C-alpha atoms as a PDB file:
ATOM      1  CA  UNK A   1      40.671 -28.485 -20.717  1.00  0.00           C
ATOM      2  CA  UNK A   2      38.038 -26.424 -18.783  1.00  0.00           C
ATOM      3  CA  UNK A   3      34.563 -26.315 -20.231  1.00  0.00           C
ATOM      4  CA  UNK A   4      33.027 -22.977 -21.109  1.00  0.00           C
ATOM      5  CA  UNK A   5      30.183 -21.958 -18.775  1.00  0.00           C
ATOM      6  CA  UNK A   6      26.629 -22.848 -19.746  1.00  0.00           C
ATOM      7  CA  UNK A   7      24.638 -19.586 -20.129  1.00  0.00           C
ATOM      8  CA  UNK A   8      21.495 -21.561 -19.249  1.00  0.00           C
ATOM      9  CA  UNK A   9      22.799 -22.516 -15.792  1.00  0.00           C
ATOM     10  CA  UNK A  10      20.905 -20.303 -13.330  1.00  0.00           C
ATOM     11  CA  UNK A  11      23.640 -20.595 -10.702  1.00  0.00           C
ATOM     12  CA  UNK A  12      26.261 -19.410 -13.159  1.00  0.00           C
ATOM     13  CA  UNK A  13      23.959 -16.636 -14.413  1.00  0.00           C
ATOM     14  CA  UNK A  14      23.403 -15.522 -10.830  1.00  0.00           C
ATOM     15  CA  UNK A  15      27.133 -15.431 -10.081  1.00  0.00           C
ATOM     16  CA  UNK A  16      27.972 -13.611 -13.292  1.00  0.00           C
ATOM     17  CA  UNK A  17      25.078 -11.166 -13.558  1.00  0.00           C
ATOM     18  CA  UNK A  18      23.454 -10.643 -10.152  1.00  0.00           C
ATOM     19  CA  UNK A  19      25.638  -7.622  -9.362  1.00  0.00           C
ATOM     20  CA  UNK A  20      24.937  -6.068 -12.732  1.00  0.00           C
ATOM     21  CA  UNK A  21      21.157  -6.682 -12.442  1.00  0.00           C
ATOM     22  CA  UNK A  22      21.132  -5.249  -8.891  1.00  0.00           C
ATOM     23  CA  UNK A  23      23.087  -2.152 -10.007  1.00  0.00           C
ATOM     24  CA  UNK A  24      20.741  -1.623 -12.971  1.00  0.00           C
ATOM     25  CA  UNK A  25      17.693  -1.906 -10.706  1.00  0.00           C
ATOM     26  CA  UNK A  26      19.284   0.433  -8.130  1.00  0.00           C
ATOM     27  CA  UNK A  27      19.790   3.027 -10.870  1.00  0.00           C
ATOM     28  CA  UNK A  28      16.114   2.750 -11.870  1.00  0.00           C
ATOM     29  CA  UNK A  29      14.671   2.592  -8.344  1.00  0.00           C
ATOM     30  CA  UNK A  30      17.123   4.710  -6.370  1.00  0.00           C
ATOM     31  CA  UNK A  31      16.810   2.328  -3.434  1.00  0.00           C
ATOM     32  CA  UNK A  32      19.367  -0.339  -2.506  1.00  0.00           C
ATOM     33  CA  UNK A  33      17.045  -2.661  -0.574  1.00  0.00           C
ATOM     34  CA  UNK A  34      14.297  -2.643  -3.245  1.00  0.00           C
ATOM     35  CA  UNK A  35      16.940  -3.228  -5.927  1.00  0.00           C
ATOM     36  CA  UNK A  36      18.366  -6.196  -4.018  1.00  0.00           C
ATOM     37  CA  UNK A  37      14.921  -7.718  -3.480  1.00  0.00           C
ATOM     38  CA  UNK A  38      13.916  -7.280  -7.120  1.00  0.00           C
ATOM     39  CA  UNK A  39      17.260  -8.640  -8.356  1.00  0.00           C
ATOM     40  CA  UNK A  40      16.496 -11.849  -6.491  1.00  0.00           C
ATOM     41  CA  UNK A  41      13.017 -11.870  -8.063  1.00  0.00           C
ATOM     42  CA  UNK A  42      14.638 -11.786 -11.515  1.00  0.00           C
ATOM     43  CA  UNK A  43      16.563 -14.973 -10.791  1.00  0.00           C
ATOM     44  CA  UNK A  44      13.630 -16.629  -9.032  1.00  0.00           C
ATOM     45  CA  UNK A  45      11.673 -16.161 -12.258  1.00  0.00           C
ATOM     46  CA  UNK A  46      14.449 -18.017 -14.062  1.00  0.00           C
ATOM     47  CA  UNK A  47      14.295 -20.828 -11.515  1.00  0.00           C
ATOM     48  CA  UNK A  48      10.517 -21.099 -11.832  1.00  0.00           C
ATOM     49  CA  UNK A  49      10.545 -20.949 -15.626  1.00  0.00           C
ATOM     50  CA  UNK A  50      13.942 -22.120 -16.871  1.00  0.00           C
ATOM     51  CA  UNK A  51      15.167 -20.839 -20.212  1.00  0.00           C
ATOM     52  CA  UNK A  52      17.799 -22.091 -22.608  1.00  0.00           C
ATOM     53  CA  UNK A  53      20.185 -19.427 -23.879  1.00  0.00           C
ATOM     54  CA  UNK A  54      22.529 -19.896 -26.797  1.00  0.00           C
ATOM     55  CA  UNK A  55      24.988 -17.244 -25.651  1.00  0.00           C
ATOM     56  CA  UNK A  56      25.896 -15.037 -22.735  1.00  0.00           C
ATOM     57  CA  UNK A  57      24.631 -12.032 -24.719  1.00  0.00           C
ATOM     58  CA  UNK A  58      21.250 -13.698 -25.177  1.00  0.00           C
ATOM     59  CA  UNK A  59      21.100 -14.447 -21.440  1.00  0.00           C
ATOM     60  CA  UNK A  60      21.995 -10.855 -20.560  1.00  0.00           C
ATOM     61  CA  UNK A  61      19.345  -9.473 -22.955  1.00  0.00           C
ATOM     62  CA  UNK A  62      16.772 -11.726 -21.303  1.00  0.00           C
ATOM     63  CA  UNK A  63      17.875 -10.629 -17.825  1.00  0.00           C
ATOM     64  CA  UNK A  64      17.511  -7.001 -18.958  1.00  0.00           C
ATOM     65  CA  UNK A  65      13.961  -7.636 -20.147  1.00  0.00           C
ATOM     66  CA  UNK A  66      13.016  -9.441 -16.925  1.00  0.00           C
ATOM     67  CA  UNK A  67      14.562  -6.617 -14.893  1.00  0.00           C
ATOM     68  CA  UNK A  68      12.402  -4.079 -16.736  1.00  0.00           C
ATOM     69  CA  UNK A  69       9.315  -6.227 -16.090  1.00  0.00           C
ATOM     70  CA  UNK A  70       9.981  -6.514 -12.362  1.00  0.00           C
ATOM     71  CA  UNK A  71      10.474  -2.719 -12.224  1.00  0.00           C
ATOM     72  CA  UNK A  72       7.135  -2.112 -13.932  1.00  0.00           C
ATOM     73  CA  UNK A  73       5.434  -4.593 -11.579  1.00  0.00           C
ATOM     74  CA  UNK A  74       7.073  -2.883  -8.591  1.00  0.00           C
ATOM     75  CA  UNK A  75       5.945   0.592  -9.687  1.00  0.00           C
ATOM     76  CA  UNK A  76       2.430  -0.719 -10.346  1.00  0.00           C
ATOM     77  CA  UNK A  77       2.273  -2.216  -6.852  1.00  0.00           C
ATOM     78  CA  UNK A  78       3.486   1.055  -5.353  1.00  0.00           C
ATOM     79  CA  UNK A  79       0.818   3.042  -7.237  1.00  0.00           C
ATOM     80  CA  UNK A  80      -1.938   0.734  -6.017  1.00  0.00           C
ATOM     81  CA  UNK A  81      -0.634   0.809  -2.452  1.00  0.00           C
ATOM     82  CA  UNK A  82      -0.389   4.637  -2.443  1.00  0.00           C
ATOM     83  CA  UNK A  83      -3.965   4.923  -3.738  1.00  0.00           C
ATOM     84  CA  UNK A  84      -5.200   2.561  -1.016  1.00  0.00           C
ATOM     85  CA  UNK A  85      -3.302   4.476   1.677  1.00  0.00           C
ATOM     86  CA  UNK A  86      -4.868   7.737   0.453  1.00  0.00           C
ATOM     87  CA  UNK A  87      -8.325   6.177   0.837  1.00  0.00           C
ATOM     88  CA  UNK A  88      -7.432   4.979   4.323  1.00  0.00           C
ATOM     89  CA  UNK A  89      -6.106   8.408   5.309  1.00  0.00           C
ATOM     90  CA  UNK A  90      -9.496   9.923   4.553  1.00  0.00           C
ATOM     91  CA  UNK A  91     -11.289   7.537   6.932  1.00  0.00           C
ATOM     92  CA  UNK A  92     -11.753   8.017  10.675  1.00  0.00           C
ATOM     93  CA  UNK A  93      -9.173   6.186  12.763  1.00  0.00           C
ATOM     94  CA  UNK A  94     -11.755   3.915  14.412  1.00  0.00           C
ATOM     95  CA  UNK A  95     -12.659   2.570  10.932  1.00  0.00           C
ATOM     96  CA  UNK A  96      -9.108   1.503  10.064  1.00  0.00           C
ATOM     97  CA  UNK A  97      -8.699  -2.130   9.030  1.00  0.00           C
ATOM     98  CA  UNK A  98      -6.049  -4.370  10.572  1.00  0.00           C
ATOM     99  CA  UNK A  99      -2.609  -4.668   8.968  1.00  0.00           C
ATOM    100  CA  UNK A 100      -3.537  -8.135   7.723  1.00  0.00           C
ATOM    101  CA  UNK A 101      -6.732  -6.814   6.118  1.00  0.00           C
ATOM    102  CA  UNK A 102      -4.807  -3.923   4.546  1.00  0.00           C
ATOM    103  CA  UNK A 103      -2.289  -6.335   3.027  1.00  0.00           C
ATOM    104  CA  UNK A 104      -5.085  -8.526   1.644  1.00  0.00           C
ATOM    105  CA  UNK A 105      -6.836  -5.532   0.078  1.00  0.00           C
ATOM    106  CA  UNK A 106      -3.609  -4.248  -1.493  1.00  0.00           C
ATOM    107  CA  UNK A 107      -2.904  -7.709  -2.933  1.00  0.00           C
ATOM    108  CA  UNK A 108      -6.439  -7.978  -4.349  1.00  0.00           C
ATOM    109  CA  UNK A 109      -6.233  -4.473  -5.834  1.00  0.00           C
ATOM    110  CA  UNK A 110      -2.909  -5.299  -7.449  1.00  0.00           C
ATOM    111  CA  UNK A 111      -4.372  -8.437  -8.990  1.00  0.00           C
ATOM    112  CA  UNK A 112      -7.379  -6.513 -10.322  1.00  0.00           C
ATOM    113  CA  UNK A 113      -5.101  -3.862 -11.799  1.00  0.00           C
ATOM    114  CA  UNK A 114      -2.900  -6.517 -13.414  1.00  0.00           C
ATOM    115  CA  UNK A 115      -6.025  -8.208 -14.826  1.00  0.00           C
ATOM    116  CA  UNK A 116      -7.238  -4.906 -16.282  1.00  0.00           C
ATOM    117  CA  UNK A 117      -3.840  -4.224 -17.837  1.00  0.00           C
ATOM    118  CA  UNK A 118      -3.918  -7.619 -19.573  1.00  0.00           C
ATOM    119  CA  UNK A 119      -7.253  -6.788 -21.207  1.00  0.00           C
ATOM    120  CA  UNK A 120      -7.407  -4.971 -24.532  1.00  0.00           C
ATOM    121  CA  UNK A 121      -7.587  -1.202 -23.922  1.00  0.00           C
ATOM    122  CA  UNK A 122     -11.220  -0.782 -25.053  1.00  0.00           C
ATOM    123  CA  UNK A 123     -12.366  -3.758 -22.964  1.00  0.00           C
ATOM    124  CA  UNK A 124     -10.702  -2.394 -19.834  1.00  0.00           C
ATOM    125  CA  UNK A 125     -12.031   1.106 -20.487  1.00  0.00           C
ATOM    126  CA  UNK A 126     -15.581  -0.168 -21.025  1.00  0.00           C
ATOM    127  CA  UNK A 127     -15.384  -2.151 -17.807  1.00  0.00           C
ATOM    128  CA  UNK A 128     -14.069   0.811 -15.826  1.00  0.00           C
ATOM    129  CA  UNK A 129     -16.714   3.157 -17.253  1.00  0.00           C
ATOM    130  CA  UNK A 130     -19.450   0.719 -16.265  1.00  0.00           C
ATOM    131  CA  UNK A 131     -18.099  -0.120 -12.828  1.00  0.00           C
ATOM    132  CA  UNK A 132     -16.736   3.222 -11.658  1.00  0.00           C
ATOM    133  CA  UNK A 133     -18.967   5.709 -13.415  1.00  0.00           C
ATOM    134  CA  UNK A 134     -22.087   3.567 -13.719  1.00  0.00           C
ATOM    135  CA  UNK A 135     -22.497   4.350 -17.420  1.00  0.00           C
ATOM    136  CA  UNK A 136     -24.989   2.370 -19.459  1.00  0.00           C
ATOM    137  CA  UNK A 137     -23.762   0.203 -22.322  1.00  0.00           C
ATOM    138  CA  UNK A 138     -25.197   2.740 -24.766  1.00  0.00           C
ATOM    139  CA  UNK A 139     -23.326   5.613 -23.095  1.00  0.00           C
ATOM    140  CA  UNK A 140     -20.132   3.560 -23.112  1.00  0.00           C
ATOM    141  CA  UNK A 141     -20.673   2.747 -26.793  1.00  0.00           C
ATOM    142  CA  UNK A 142     -21.004   6.440 -27.606  1.00  0.00           C
ATOM    143  CA  UNK A 143     -17.919   7.280 -25.527  1.00  0.00           C
ATOM    144  CA  UNK A 144     -15.827   4.600 -27.249  1.00  0.00           C
ATOM    145  CA  UNK A 145     -17.322   5.069 -30.710  1.00  0.00           C
ATOM    146  CA  UNK A 146     -18.539   1.480 -30.993  1.00  0.00           C
ATOM    147  CA  UNK A 147     -21.922  -0.268 -30.978  1.00  0.00           C
ATOM    148  CA  UNK A 148     -23.754  -1.253 -27.801  1.00  0.00           C
ATOM    149  CA  UNK A 149     -23.415  -4.868 -28.959  1.00  0.00           C
ATOM    150  CA  UNK A 150     -19.637  -4.445 -29.025  1.00  0.00           C
ATOM    151  CA  UNK A 151     -19.764  -3.063 -25.484  1.00  0.00           C
ATOM    152  CA  UNK A 152     -21.750  -6.149 -24.453  1.00  0.00           C
ATOM    153  CA  UNK A 153     -18.962  -8.281 -25.923  1.00  0.00           C
ATOM    154  CA  UNK A 154     -16.311  -6.181 -24.130  1.00  0.00           C
ATOM    155  CA  UNK A 155     -18.132  -6.542 -20.837  1.00  0.00           C
ATOM    156  CA  UNK A 156     -18.449 -10.306 -21.222  1.00  0.00           C
ATOM    157  CA  UNK A 157     -14.678 -10.511 -21.781  1.00  0.00           C
ATOM    158  CA  UNK A 158     -14.004  -8.392 -18.693  1.00  0.00           C
ATOM    159  CA  UNK A 159     -16.485 -10.278 -16.528  1.00  0.00           C
ATOM    160  CA  UNK A 160     -14.960 -13.602 -17.564  1.00  0.00           C
ATOM    161  CA  UNK A 161     -11.554 -12.327 -16.427  1.00  0.00           C
ATOM    162  CA  UNK A 162     -13.131 -11.167 -13.157  1.00  0.00           C
ATOM    163  CA  UNK A 163     -14.554 -14.656 -12.591  1.00  0.00           C
ATOM    164  CA  UNK A 164     -11.134 -16.193 -13.225  1.00  0.00           C
ATOM    165  CA  UNK A 165      -9.568 -13.750 -10.775  1.00  0.00           C
ATOM    166  CA  UNK A 166     -12.237 -14.476  -8.173  1.00  0.00           C
ATOM    167  CA  UNK A 167     -11.578 -18.200  -8.532  1.00  0.00           C
ATOM    168  CA  UNK A 168      -7.829 -17.590  -8.066  1.00  0.00           C
ATOM    169  CA  UNK A 169      -8.462 -15.466  -4.971  1.00  0.00           C
ATOM    170  CA  UNK A 170     -10.852 -18.052  -3.506  1.00  0.00           C
ATOM    171  CA  UNK A 171      -8.267 -20.783  -4.077  1.00  0.00           C
ATOM    172  CA  UNK A 172      -5.547 -18.679  -2.431  1.00  0.00           C
ATOM    173  CA  UNK A 173      -7.667 -18.169   0.687  1.00  0.00           C
ATOM    174  CA  UNK A 174      -8.254 -21.905   1.213  1.00  0.00           C
END
């Protein structure tokens, strides 16, 4: 008597659902090659962090959620890359960085953006107001409707995350 397939087996999940995941991503992205690449990313995530599913429906719901996450990550990366390319376009040609340098900057910008998105909204906003607009803690406090002491706490949270990110980047460059 044949055994029923194990919905936790990544190979079986790939065979059964890869086409569906790729089609779903193609519908969202409108691009076959990006959809194929991201579909593989969905299953790589399952390989890296295996999950146990109690049914095929549970597995498919999880694959749907992961597919949405990889789409959001993809769109975020595209936004960061477009912003960087706009900055580069405004610079004289003789000041253009190498392709390798461009790729490193885009990667670092994406990691900073991801770090900011993980922070609570007020913490990220306080950090951005201080770093990009040069506002004082008191001005930030007034803007956010909190105390200057709270802004100090927000900034310490953000700076701690920056230090963690810097350590990750340093480790990656070794």
